[in-house]
Amino acid sequence: MRRIERIQETLTDTEENLRQVVDAPPELVREVSTLKMELRGRKAALAVGLSLLNIYQD
């Protein structure tokens, strides 16, 4: 959960920086893309884990 929170904070900050820059460097665009992908993966893994916990708790 902490990593997801950190990714979201970093992503928000980085996207804000991108909005302020007219010609964004490719590294910054790539970083945003990578963070979004990691965030989706971690959220999916968390959802699967929580789902499995609910199955075993019932």
N, C-alpha and C. Protein backbone atom coordinates (compact mmCIF):
# COMPACT_ATOMS: atom_id res chain seq x y z
N MET A 1 0.82 -1.19 0.00
CA MET A 1 0.00 0.00 0.00
C MET A 1 0.87 1.26 0.00
N ARG A 2 1.95 1.22 0.76
CA ARG A 2 2.81 2.41 0.84
C ARG A 2 3.42 2.74 -0.50
N ARG A 3 3.83 1.70 -1.21
CA ARG A 3 4.43 1.93 -2.53
C ARG A 3 3.41 2.52 -3.48
N ILE A 4 2.17 2.07 -3.42
CA ILE A 4 1.11 2.63 -4.27
C ILE A 4 0.92 4.11 -3.95
N GLU A 5 0.91 4.44 -2.67
CA GLU A 5 0.76 5.85 -2.27
C GLU A 5 1.92 6.70 -2.78
N ARG A 6 3.14 6.16 -2.66
CA ARG A 6 4.31 6.90 -3.15
C ARG A 6 4.28 7.08 -4.67
N ILE A 7 3.86 6.03 -5.36
CA ILE A 7 3.76 6.13 -6.83
C ILE A 7 2.74 7.19 -7.21
N GLN A 8 1.59 7.20 -6.54
CA GLN A 8 0.56 8.17 -6.86
C GLN A 8 1.04 9.60 -6.61
N GLU A 9 1.76 9.80 -5.49
CA GLU A 9 2.30 11.13 -5.20
C GLU A 9 3.31 11.56 -6.27
N THR A 10 4.22 10.66 -6.60
CA THR A 10 5.24 10.96 -7.60
C THR A 10 4.60 11.21 -8.95
N LEU A 11 3.61 10.41 -9.30
CA LEU A 11 2.91 10.56 -10.57
C LEU A 11 2.20 11.91 -10.64
N THR A 12 1.56 12.29 -9.58
CA THR A 12 0.87 13.59 -9.54
C THR A 12 1.86 14.72 -9.73
N ASP A 13 2.97 14.67 -9.01
CA ASP A 13 3.99 15.71 -9.12
C ASP A 13 4.58 15.75 -10.54
N THR A 14 4.89 14.60 -11.07
CA THR A 14 5.51 14.53 -12.40
C THR A 14 4.55 15.00 -13.48
N GLU A 15 3.28 14.61 -13.38
CA GLU A 15 2.30 15.06 -14.36
C GLU A 15 2.10 16.58 -14.29
N GLU A 16 2.15 17.11 -13.08
CA GLU A 16 2.05 18.57 -12.92
C GLU A 16 3.24 19.25 -13.59
N ASN A 17 4.41 18.70 -13.42
CA ASN A 17 5.60 19.24 -14.08
C ASN A 17 5.47 19.18 -15.60
N LEU A 18 4.90 18.09 -16.10
CA LEU A 18 4.71 17.95 -17.55
C LEU A 18 3.78 19.02 -18.09
N ARG A 19 2.74 19.36 -17.33
CA ARG A 19 1.79 20.38 -17.78
C ARG A 19 2.44 21.76 -17.87
N GLN A 20 3.47 21.97 -17.08
CA GLN A 20 4.13 23.27 -17.05
C GLN A 20 5.17 23.43 -18.14
N VAL A 21 5.60 22.32 -18.72
CA VAL A 21 6.66 22.34 -19.73
C VAL A 21 6.04 22.24 -21.12
N VAL A 22 6.46 23.12 -22.01
CA VAL A 22 5.93 23.11 -23.37
C VAL A 22 6.47 21.91 -24.14
N ASP A 23 7.76 21.74 -24.14
CA ASP A 23 8.40 20.64 -24.86
C ASP A 23 9.07 19.73 -23.83
N ALA A 24 8.30 18.77 -23.33
CA ALA A 24 8.79 17.90 -22.25
C ALA A 24 9.88 16.97 -22.76
N PRO A 25 10.90 16.77 -21.93
CA PRO A 25 11.95 15.82 -22.31
C PRO A 25 11.39 14.39 -22.36
N PRO A 26 11.87 13.61 -23.29
CA PRO A 26 11.37 12.23 -23.43
C PRO A 26 11.51 11.40 -22.15
N GLU A 27 12.54 11.69 -21.35
CA GLU A 27 12.74 10.94 -20.11
C GLU A 27 11.57 11.16 -19.15
N LEU A 28 11.07 12.39 -19.09
CA LEU A 28 9.97 12.71 -18.20
C LEU A 28 8.69 12.04 -18.67
N VAL A 29 8.46 12.03 -19.96
CA VAL A 29 7.28 11.37 -20.53
C VAL A 29 7.36 9.87 -20.26
N ARG A 30 8.54 9.30 -20.44
CA ARG A 30 8.76 7.87 -20.19
C ARG A 30 8.55 7.54 -18.72
N GLU A 31 9.01 8.42 -17.84
CA GLU A 31 8.84 8.19 -16.40
C GLU A 31 7.36 8.14 -16.03
N VAL A 32 6.57 9.05 -16.57
CA VAL A 32 5.13 9.05 -16.30
C VAL A 32 4.50 7.75 -16.79
N SER A 33 4.87 7.34 -17.97
CA SER A 33 4.33 6.11 -18.53
C SER A 33 4.71 4.90 -17.68
N THR A 34 5.94 4.85 -17.24
CA THR A 34 6.42 3.76 -16.40
C THR A 34 5.71 3.75 -15.06
N LEU A 35 5.54 4.91 -14.46
CA LEU A 35 4.85 5.00 -13.18
C LEU A 35 3.39 4.55 -13.30
N LYS A 36 2.73 4.94 -14.38
CA LYS A 36 1.33 4.53 -14.58
C LYS A 36 1.23 3.02 -14.72
N MET A 37 2.18 2.42 -15.45
CA MET A 37 2.17 0.98 -15.64
C MET A 37 2.41 0.26 -14.31
N GLU A 38 3.39 0.75 -13.55
CA GLU A 38 3.67 0.14 -12.26
C GLU A 38 2.48 0.28 -11.32
N LEU A 39 1.84 1.43 -11.33
CA LEU A 39 0.68 1.66 -10.48
C LEU A 39 -0.45 0.69 -10.81
N ARG A 40 -0.72 0.52 -12.11
CA ARG A 40 -1.78 -0.42 -12.52
C ARG A 40 -1.45 -1.84 -12.06
N GLY A 41 -0.20 -2.24 -12.22
CA GLY A 41 0.22 -3.58 -11.81
C GLY A 41 0.11 -3.79 -10.32
N ARG A 42 0.54 -2.82 -9.56
CA ARG A 42 0.48 -2.95 -8.10
C ARG A 42 -0.96 -2.94 -7.59
N LYS A 43 -1.80 -2.12 -8.21
CA LYS A 43 -3.21 -2.11 -7.81
C LYS A 43 -3.87 -3.44 -8.14
N ALA A 44 -3.53 -4.01 -9.28
CA ALA A 44 -4.08 -5.31 -9.66
C ALA A 44 -3.61 -6.39 -8.69
N ALA A 45 -2.34 -6.38 -8.35
CA ALA A 45 -1.80 -7.36 -7.42
C ALA A 45 -2.46 -7.22 -6.05
N LEU A 46 -2.68 -6.00 -5.62
CA LEU A 46 -3.34 -5.76 -4.34
C LEU A 46 -4.77 -6.28 -4.37
N ALA A 47 -5.48 -6.03 -5.46
CA ALA A 47 -6.86 -6.50 -5.59
C ALA A 47 -6.92 -8.03 -5.55
N VAL A 48 -6.00 -8.68 -6.24
CA VAL A 48 -5.98 -10.14 -6.24
C VAL A 48 -5.67 -10.66 -4.84
N GLY A 49 -4.70 -10.06 -4.19
CA GLY A 49 -4.34 -10.47 -2.83
C GLY A 49 -5.49 -10.31 -1.86
N LEU A 50 -6.16 -9.17 -1.92
CA LEU A 50 -7.30 -8.93 -1.04
C LEU A 50 -8.43 -9.90 -1.34
N SER A 51 -8.63 -10.20 -2.59
CA SER A 51 -9.67 -11.15 -2.98
C SER A 51 -9.36 -12.53 -2.41
N LEU A 52 -8.11 -12.94 -2.51
CA LEU A 52 -7.72 -14.24 -1.97
C LEU A 52 -7.87 -14.28 -0.45
N LEU A 53 -7.54 -13.19 0.21
CA LEU A 53 -7.71 -13.14 1.66
C LEU A 53 -9.18 -13.27 2.04
N ASN A 54 -10.05 -12.64 1.27
CA ASN A 54 -11.49 -12.74 1.55
C ASN A 54 -11.98 -14.16 1.36
N ILE A 55 -11.44 -14.87 0.39
CA ILE A 55 -11.86 -16.27 0.15
C ILE A 55 -11.47 -17.14 1.35
N TYR A 56 -10.25 -16.92 1.85
CA TYR A 56 -9.77 -17.75 2.94
C TYR A 56 -10.36 -17.37 4.28
N GLN A 57 -10.88 -16.16 4.42
CA GLN A 57 -11.48 -15.74 5.69
C GLN A 57 -12.91 -16.23 5.84
N ASP A 58 -13.54 -16.54 4.73
CA ASP A 58 -14.95 -16.99 4.79
C ASP A 58 -15.08 -18.39 5.25
